[in-house]
PDB file of N, CA and C in Angstrom:
ATOM      1  N   UNK A   1      41.485  10.376 -11.130  1.00  0.00           N
ATOM      2  CA  UNK A   1      40.503   9.061 -10.798  1.00  0.00           C
ATOM      3  C   UNK A   1      39.103   9.256 -10.948  1.00  0.00           C
ATOM      4  N   UNK A   2      38.301   9.235 -10.220  1.00  0.00           N
ATOM      5  CA  UNK A   2      37.277   9.699 -10.529  1.00  0.00           C
ATOM      6  C   UNK A   2      36.188   8.193 -10.742  1.00  0.00           C
ATOM      7  N   UNK A   3      35.077   8.311 -11.221  1.00  0.00           N
ATOM      8  CA  UNK A   3      34.171   6.967 -11.153  1.00  0.00           C
ATOM      9  C   UNK A   3      33.288   7.110 -11.908  1.00  0.00           C
ATOM     10  N   UNK A   4      32.911   6.415 -13.012  1.00  0.00           N
ATOM     11  CA  UNK A   4      31.926   5.661 -13.582  1.00  0.00           C
ATOM     12  C   UNK A   4      30.165   5.477 -13.519  1.00  0.00           C
ATOM     13  N   UNK A   5      29.503   6.250 -13.158  1.00  0.00           N
ATOM     14  CA  UNK A   5      27.945   6.425 -12.690  1.00  0.00           C
ATOM     15  C   UNK A   5      26.966   6.154 -13.976  1.00  0.00           C
ATOM     16  N   UNK A   6      26.466   4.477 -13.459  1.00  0.00           N
ATOM     17  CA  UNK A   6      25.558   3.910 -14.566  1.00  0.00           C
ATOM     18  C   UNK A   6      23.823   4.339 -13.835  1.00  0.00           C
ATOM     19  N   UNK A   7      23.050   4.454 -13.952  1.00  0.00           N
ATOM     20  CA  UNK A   7      21.622   4.698 -13.596  1.00  0.00           C
ATOM     21  C   UNK A   7      20.617   3.588 -14.040  1.00  0.00           C
ATOM     22  N   UNK A   8      19.513   2.845 -13.749  1.00  0.00           N
ATOM     23  CA  UNK A   8      18.710   2.426 -14.493  1.00  0.00           C
ATOM     24  C   UNK A   8      17.493   2.009 -13.462  1.00  0.00           C
ATOM     25  N   UNK A   9      16.658   3.023 -14.246  1.00  0.00           N
ATOM     26  CA  UNK A   9      15.339   3.497 -13.145  1.00  0.00           C
ATOM     27  C   UNK A   9      14.426   2.975 -13.559  1.00  0.00           C
ATOM     28  N   UNK A  10      13.107   2.812 -12.907  1.00  0.00           N
ATOM     29  CA  UNK A  10      11.514   2.647 -13.888  1.00  0.00           C
ATOM     30  C   UNK A  10      10.623   4.027 -12.875  1.00  0.00           C
ATOM     31  N   UNK A  11       9.390   4.006 -13.219  1.00  0.00           N
ATOM     32  CA  UNK A  11       9.041   4.344 -12.698  1.00  0.00           C
ATOM     33  C   UNK A  11       7.621   3.189 -11.967  1.00  0.00           C
ATOM     34  N   UNK A  12       8.273   2.407 -11.536  1.00  0.00           N
ATOM     35  CA  UNK A  12       6.711   2.000 -11.489  1.00  0.00           C
ATOM     36  C   UNK A  12       6.267   1.436 -10.014  1.00  0.00           C
ATOM     37  N   UNK A  13       5.817   0.185  -9.382  1.00  0.00           N
ATOM     38  CA  UNK A  13       4.981   0.919  -7.773  1.00  0.00           C
ATOM     39  C   UNK A  13       7.022   0.761  -7.158  1.00  0.00           C
ATOM     40  N   UNK A  14       8.060   0.833  -6.832  1.00  0.00           N
ATOM     41  CA  UNK A  14       8.765   0.213  -5.975  1.00  0.00           C
ATOM     42  C   UNK A  14       8.643  -1.022  -5.464  1.00  0.00           C
ATOM     43  N   UNK A  15      10.074  -0.970  -4.700  1.00  0.00           N
ATOM     44  CA  UNK A  15      10.183  -2.448  -4.001  1.00  0.00           C
ATOM     45  C   UNK A  15       9.852  -2.493  -2.478  1.00  0.00           C
ATOM     46  N   UNK A  16       9.252  -3.101  -2.050  1.00  0.00           N
ATOM     47  CA  UNK A  16       9.171  -3.479  -0.697  1.00  0.00           C
ATOM     48  C   UNK A  16       9.818  -3.533  -0.047  1.00  0.00           C
ATOM     49  N   UNK A  17      10.504  -3.222   1.265  1.00  0.00           N
ATOM     50  CA  UNK A  17      11.819  -2.791   2.414  1.00  0.00           C
ATOM     51  C   UNK A  17      11.566  -4.443   2.832  1.00  0.00           C
ATOM     52  N   UNK A  18      11.355  -5.464   2.578  1.00  0.00           N
ATOM     53  CA  UNK A  18      11.617  -6.873   2.853  1.00  0.00           C
ATOM     54  C   UNK A  18      12.132  -7.287   1.210  1.00  0.00           C
ATOM     55  N   UNK A  19      11.597  -7.626   0.302  1.00  0.00           N
ATOM     56  CA  UNK A  19      12.144  -7.504  -0.531  1.00  0.00           C
ATOM     57  C   UNK A  19      13.769  -6.950  -0.633  1.00  0.00           C
ATOM     58  N   UNK A  20      13.796  -5.752  -0.122  1.00  0.00           N
ATOM     59  CA  UNK A  20      15.349  -4.316  -1.026  1.00  0.00           C
ATOM     60  C   UNK A  20      16.284  -5.832  -0.089  1.00  0.00           C
ATOM     61  N   UNK A  21      15.580  -6.014   1.099  1.00  0.00           N
ATOM     62  CA  UNK A  21      17.029  -6.234   1.957  1.00  0.00           C
ATOM     63  C   UNK A  21      17.493  -7.296   1.917  1.00  0.00           C
ATOM     64  N   UNK A  22      17.160  -8.115   0.623  1.00  0.00           N
ATOM     65  CA  UNK A  22      17.619  -9.677   0.410  1.00  0.00           C
ATOM     66  C   UNK A  22      17.892  -9.435  -1.255  1.00  0.00           C
ATOM     67  N   UNK A  23      17.538  -8.615  -1.900  1.00  0.00           N
ATOM     68  CA  UNK A  23      17.200  -8.757  -3.398  1.00  0.00           C
ATOM     69  C   UNK A  23      18.738  -9.052  -3.732  1.00  0.00           C
ATOM     70  N   UNK A  24      19.543  -8.696  -2.977  1.00  0.00           N
ATOM     71  CA  UNK A  24      21.025  -9.168  -3.881  1.00  0.00           C
ATOM     72  C   UNK A  24      21.639 -10.053  -2.987  1.00  0.00           C
ATOM     73  N   UNK A  25      20.813 -11.353  -2.650  1.00  0.00           N
ATOM     74  CA  UNK A  25      21.156 -12.410  -1.839  1.00  0.00           C
ATOM     75  C   UNK A  25      20.838 -13.616  -3.195  1.00  0.00           C
ATOM     76  N   UNK A  26      21.819 -14.506  -2.968  1.00  0.00           N
ATOM     77  CA  UNK A  26      21.930 -15.353  -3.967  1.00  0.00           C
ATOM     78  C   UNK A  26      20.464 -16.317  -3.897  1.00  0.00           C
ATOM     79  N   UNK A  27      20.470 -16.757  -5.036  1.00  0.00           N
ATOM     80  CA  UNK A  27      18.402 -17.499  -5.424  1.00  0.00           C
ATOM     81  C   UNK A  27      17.255 -17.067  -4.716  1.00  0.00           C
ATOM     82  N   UNK A  28      17.727 -16.039  -4.041  1.00  0.00           N
ATOM     83  CA  UNK A  28      16.208 -14.670  -3.750  1.00  0.00           C
ATOM     84  C   UNK A  28      15.652 -14.776  -4.849  1.00  0.00           C
ATOM     85  N   UNK A  29      14.256 -14.806  -4.870  1.00  0.00           N
ATOM     86  CA  UNK A  29      13.386 -14.808  -5.741  1.00  0.00           C
ATOM     87  C   UNK A  29      11.872 -14.106  -5.577  1.00  0.00           C
ATOM     88  N   UNK A  30      10.881 -13.470  -5.949  1.00  0.00           N
ATOM     89  CA  UNK A  30       9.695 -13.359  -5.858  1.00  0.00           C
ATOM     90  C   UNK A  30       8.706 -14.378  -6.537  1.00  0.00           C
ATOM     91  N   UNK A  31       9.177 -14.354  -7.709  1.00  0.00           N
ATOM     92  CA  UNK A  31       8.376 -15.744  -8.779  1.00  0.00           C
ATOM     93  C   UNK A  31       8.157 -16.627  -8.009  1.00  0.00           C
ATOM     94  N   UNK A  32       7.041 -17.447  -9.002  1.00  0.00           N
ATOM     95  CA  UNK A  32       6.741 -18.969  -8.625  1.00  0.00           C
ATOM     96  C   UNK A  32       7.940 -20.204  -8.512  1.00  0.00           C
ATOM     97  N   UNK A  33       8.073 -20.939  -7.839  1.00  0.00           N
ATOM     98  CA  UNK A  33       8.794 -21.708  -8.189  1.00  0.00           C
ATOM     99  C   UNK A  33       8.872 -22.200  -9.690  1.00  0.00           C
ATOM    100  N   UNK A  34      10.321 -22.417 -10.024  1.00  0.00           N
ATOM    101  CA  UNK A  34      10.692 -23.054 -12.130  1.00  0.00           C
ATOM    102  C   UNK A  34      10.842 -21.749 -12.313  1.00  0.00           C
ATOM    103  N   UNK A  35      10.618 -20.569 -12.238  1.00  0.00           N
ATOM    104  CA  UNK A  35       9.956 -19.242 -12.650  1.00  0.00           C
ATOM    105  C   UNK A  35      11.105 -18.302 -12.825  1.00  0.00           C
ATOM    106  N   UNK A  36      12.445 -19.043 -11.985  1.00  0.00           N
ATOM    107  CA  UNK A  36      13.345 -17.865 -11.773  1.00  0.00           C
ATOM    108  C   UNK A  36      14.566 -18.582 -11.409  1.00  0.00           C
ATOM    109  N   UNK A  37      15.897 -18.651 -10.703  1.00  0.00           N
ATOM    110  CA  UNK A  37      16.898 -19.113 -10.555  1.00  0.00           C
ATOM    111  C   UNK A  37      17.445 -18.167  -8.997  1.00  0.00           C
ATOM    112  N   UNK A  38      16.856 -16.717  -9.339  1.00  0.00           N
ATOM    113  CA  UNK A  38      16.807 -15.915  -8.268  1.00  0.00           C
ATOM    114  C   UNK A  38      18.746 -15.584  -7.908  1.00  0.00           C
ATOM    115  N   UNK A  39      19.131 -15.418  -9.355  1.00  0.00           N
ATOM    116  CA  UNK A  39      20.901 -15.693  -9.489  1.00  0.00           C
ATOM    117  C   UNK A  39      21.054 -14.340 -10.159  1.00  0.00           C
ATOM    118  N   UNK A  40      20.435 -13.521 -10.971  1.00  0.00           N
ATOM    119  CA  UNK A  40      20.857 -12.046 -12.046  1.00  0.00           C
ATOM    120  C   UNK A  40      21.607 -11.062 -10.753  1.00  0.00           C
ATOM    121  N   UNK A  41      20.627 -10.399  -9.701  1.00  0.00           N
ATOM    122  CA  UNK A  41      21.257  -9.555  -8.955  1.00  0.00           C
ATOM    123  C   UNK A  41      21.996 -10.185  -7.769  1.00  0.00           C
ATOM    124  N   UNK A  42      22.439 -11.092  -7.911  1.00  0.00           N
ATOM    125  CA  UNK A  42      23.338 -11.872  -7.134  1.00  0.00           C
ATOM    126  C   UNK A  42      24.292 -11.579  -7.735  1.00  0.00           C
ATOM    127  N   UNK A  43      24.280 -11.753  -8.952  1.00  0.00           N
ATOM    128  CA  UNK A  43      25.629 -12.530 -10.017  1.00  0.00           C
ATOM    129  C   UNK A  43      25.754 -10.244 -10.168  1.00  0.00           C
ATOM    130  N   UNK A  44      25.089 -10.158 -10.359  1.00  0.00           N
ATOM    131  CA  UNK A  44      25.388  -8.551 -11.175  1.00  0.00           C
ATOM    132  C   UNK A  44      26.378  -7.605 -10.131  1.00  0.00           C
ATOM    133  N   UNK A  45      25.750  -8.009  -9.119  1.00  0.00           N
ATOM    134  CA  UNK A  45      26.771  -7.785  -7.477  1.00  0.00           C
ATOM    135  C   UNK A  45      28.026  -8.141  -7.850  1.00  0.00           C
ATOM    136  N   UNK A  46      28.530  -9.585  -7.559  1.00  0.00           N
ATOM    137  CA  UNK A  46      29.903  -9.781  -7.558  1.00  0.00           C
ATOM    138  C   UNK A  46      30.791  -9.812  -7.994  1.00  0.00           C
ATOM    139  N   UNK A  47      29.853  -9.231  -9.450  1.00  0.00           N
ATOM    140  CA  UNK A  47      30.467  -8.690 -10.844  1.00  0.00           C
ATOM    141  C   UNK A  47      30.997  -7.425 -10.123  1.00  0.00           C
ATOM    142  N   UNK A  48      30.119  -7.009 -10.345  1.00  0.00           N
ATOM    143  CA  UNK A  48      30.356  -5.010 -10.230  1.00  0.00           C
ATOM    144  C   UNK A  48      31.281  -4.786  -8.606  1.00  0.00           C
ATOM    145  N   UNK A  49      31.245  -5.657  -7.809  1.00  0.00           N
ATOM    146  CA  UNK A  49      32.108  -4.927  -6.439  1.00  0.00           C
ATOM    147  C   UNK A  49      33.143  -5.885  -6.565  1.00  0.00           C
ATOM    148  N   UNK A  50      33.222  -6.683  -6.804  1.00  0.00           N
ATOM    149  CA  UNK A  50      34.245  -8.006  -6.604  1.00  0.00           C
ATOM    150  C   UNK A  50      35.426  -8.214  -7.424  1.00  0.00           C
ATOM    151  N   UNK A  51      34.412  -7.998  -8.649  1.00  0.00           N
ATOM    152  CA  UNK A  51      35.216  -7.775 -10.239  1.00  0.00           C
ATOM    153  C   UNK A  51      35.962  -6.997 -10.576  1.00  0.00           C
ATOM    154  N   UNK A  52      34.621  -5.700 -10.496  1.00  0.00           N
ATOM    155  CA  UNK A  52      35.682  -3.547 -10.711  1.00  0.00           C
ATOM    156  C   UNK A  52      35.823  -3.413  -9.652  1.00  0.00           C
ATOM    157  N   UNK A  53      35.527  -3.774  -8.523  1.00  0.00           N
ATOM    158  CA  UNK A  53      36.111  -2.601  -7.207  1.00  0.00           C
ATOM    159  C   UNK A  53      34.737  -1.596  -7.174  1.00  0.00           C
ATOM    160  N   UNK A  54      33.680  -2.019  -7.635  1.00  0.00           N
ATOM    161  CA  UNK A  54      32.312  -0.801  -8.087  1.00  0.00           C
ATOM    162  C   UNK A  54      31.465  -1.374  -6.981  1.00  0.00           C
ATOM    163  N   UNK A  55      30.267  -0.056  -6.483  1.00  0.00           N
ATOM    164  CA  UNK A  55      29.377  -0.446  -6.094  1.00  0.00           C
ATOM    165  C   UNK A  55      28.038  -0.289  -7.281  1.00  0.00           C
ATOM    166  N   UNK A  56      26.971  -1.506  -6.094  1.00  0.00           N
ATOM    167  CA  UNK A  56      25.496  -1.340  -6.798  1.00  0.00           C
ATOM    168  C   UNK A  56      24.973  -1.326  -5.710  1.00  0.00           C
ATOM    169  N   UNK A  57      23.883  -0.214  -6.237  1.00  0.00           N
ATOM    170  CA  UNK A  57      22.768  -0.107  -4.897  1.00  0.00           C
ATOM    171  C   UNK A  57      21.416   0.523  -5.022  1.00  0.00           C
ATOM    172  N   UNK A  58      20.523  -0.279  -4.636  1.00  0.00           N
ATOM    173  CA  UNK A  58      19.724   0.319  -5.011  1.00  0.00           C
ATOM    174  C   UNK A  58      18.119   1.299  -4.428  1.00  0.00           C
ATOM    175  N   UNK A  59      17.895   2.464  -4.765  1.00  0.00           N
ATOM    176  CA  UNK A  59      16.988   3.302  -4.177  1.00  0.00           C
ATOM    177  C   UNK A  59      15.707   2.576  -4.990  1.00  0.00           C
ATOM    178  N   UNK A  60      14.429   2.667  -3.973  1.00  0.00           N
ATOM    179  CA  UNK A  60      13.354   2.300  -4.486  1.00  0.00           C
ATOM    180  C   UNK A  60      12.496   3.282  -3.280  1.00  0.00           C
ATOM    181  N   UNK A  61      11.558   3.682  -3.989  1.00  0.00           N
ATOM    182  CA  UNK A  61      10.707   4.784  -2.999  1.00  0.00           C
ATOM    183  C   UNK A  61       8.922   3.904  -3.578  1.00  0.00           C
ATOM    184  N   UNK A  62       8.210   3.845  -2.390  1.00  0.00           N
ATOM    185  CA  UNK A  62       6.749   3.102  -3.041  1.00  0.00           C
ATOM    186  C   UNK A  62       5.859   4.085  -4.096  1.00  0.00           C
ATOM    187  N   UNK A  63       5.589   3.807  -4.660  1.00  0.00           N
ATOM    188  CA  UNK A  63       4.702   4.331  -5.939  1.00  0.00           C
ATOM    189  C   UNK A  63       5.668   5.570  -6.642  1.00  0.00           C
ATOM    190  N   UNK A  64       7.216   5.806  -6.689  1.00  0.00           N
ATOM    191  CA  UNK A  64       7.438   6.074  -7.303  1.00  0.00           C
ATOM    192  C   UNK A  64       8.844   5.754  -7.784  1.00  0.00           C
ATOM    193  N   UNK A  65       8.773   4.527  -8.359  1.00  0.00           N
ATOM    194  CA  UNK A  65      10.065   3.539  -8.954  1.00  0.00           C
ATOM    195  C   UNK A  65      11.067   3.168  -8.378  1.00  0.00           C
ATOM    196  N   UNK A  66      11.857   2.266  -8.808  1.00  0.00           N
ATOM    197  CA  UNK A  66      13.044   1.858  -8.621  1.00  0.00           C
ATOM    198  C   UNK A  66      14.598   2.541  -9.487  1.00  0.00           C
ATOM    199  N   UNK A  67      15.570   2.573  -8.790  1.00  0.00           N
ATOM    200  CA  UNK A  67      16.632   2.780  -9.843  1.00  0.00           C
ATOM    201  C   UNK A  67      18.007   1.897  -8.507  1.00  0.00           C
ATOM    202  N   UNK A  68      18.306   1.349  -9.878  1.00  0.00           N
ATOM    203  CA  UNK A  68      19.367   0.774  -9.354  1.00  0.00           C
ATOM    204  C   UNK A  68      20.939   1.464  -9.651  1.00  0.00           C
ATOM    205  N   UNK A  69      21.954   2.007  -9.437  1.00  0.00           N
ATOM    206  CA  UNK A  69      23.232   3.326  -9.672  1.00  0.00           C
ATOM    207  C   UNK A  69      24.290   1.428  -9.238  1.00  0.00           C
ATOM    208  N   UNK A  70      24.926   2.014 -10.493  1.00  0.00           N
ATOM    209  CA  UNK A  70      26.167   0.997 -10.795  1.00  0.00           C
ATOM    210  C   UNK A  70      27.184   2.371 -10.921  1.00  0.00           C
ATOM    211  N   UNK A  71      28.452   2.216  -9.640  1.00  0.00           N
ATOM    212  CA  UNK A  71      29.631   2.827  -9.590  1.00  0.00           C
ATOM    213  C   UNK A  71      31.042   2.421  -9.823  1.00  0.00           C
ATOM    214  N   UNK A  72      31.430   2.635 -11.360  1.00  0.00           N
ATOM    215  CA  UNK A  72      32.657   1.865 -11.286  1.00  0.00           C
ATOM    216  C   UNK A  72      34.028   3.196 -11.842  1.00  0.00           C
ATOM    217  N   UNK A  73      35.104   2.930 -10.800  1.00  0.00           N
ATOM    218  CA  UNK A  73      36.460   3.277 -10.482  1.00  0.00           C
ATOM    219  C   UNK A  73      36.779   3.712 -12.093  1.00  0.00           C
ATOM    220  N   UNK A  74      37.244   4.485 -12.333  1.00  0.00           N
ATOM    221  CA  UNK A  74      37.803   4.563 -13.800  1.00  0.00           C
ATOM    222  C   UNK A  74      39.127   3.810 -14.517  1.00  0.00           C
TER     223      UNK A  74
END
C-alpha cells in the first residue's frame, strides 16, 4: 500500500484565508472578469480526489509561501 506525495511550492506572499477557504470551488477566481474561468484548481481537485482516490491540500503561510500537496494511492 502506501501513497505517493507530490508537493508544489513557492516562496511568495502566501494566500489570504478568505481565498484559501474558496480556492477549490468551481468558478472562484481572484482575476478580473474575462481573465480566467476559475476552473483550474476545482478540476484538479475533482480529478485527484474523485478520479484517483487521493487528496489535494493547500498549505499557505503569510509571507512564507504556498504549497499544494497531492497524495495518490499507489
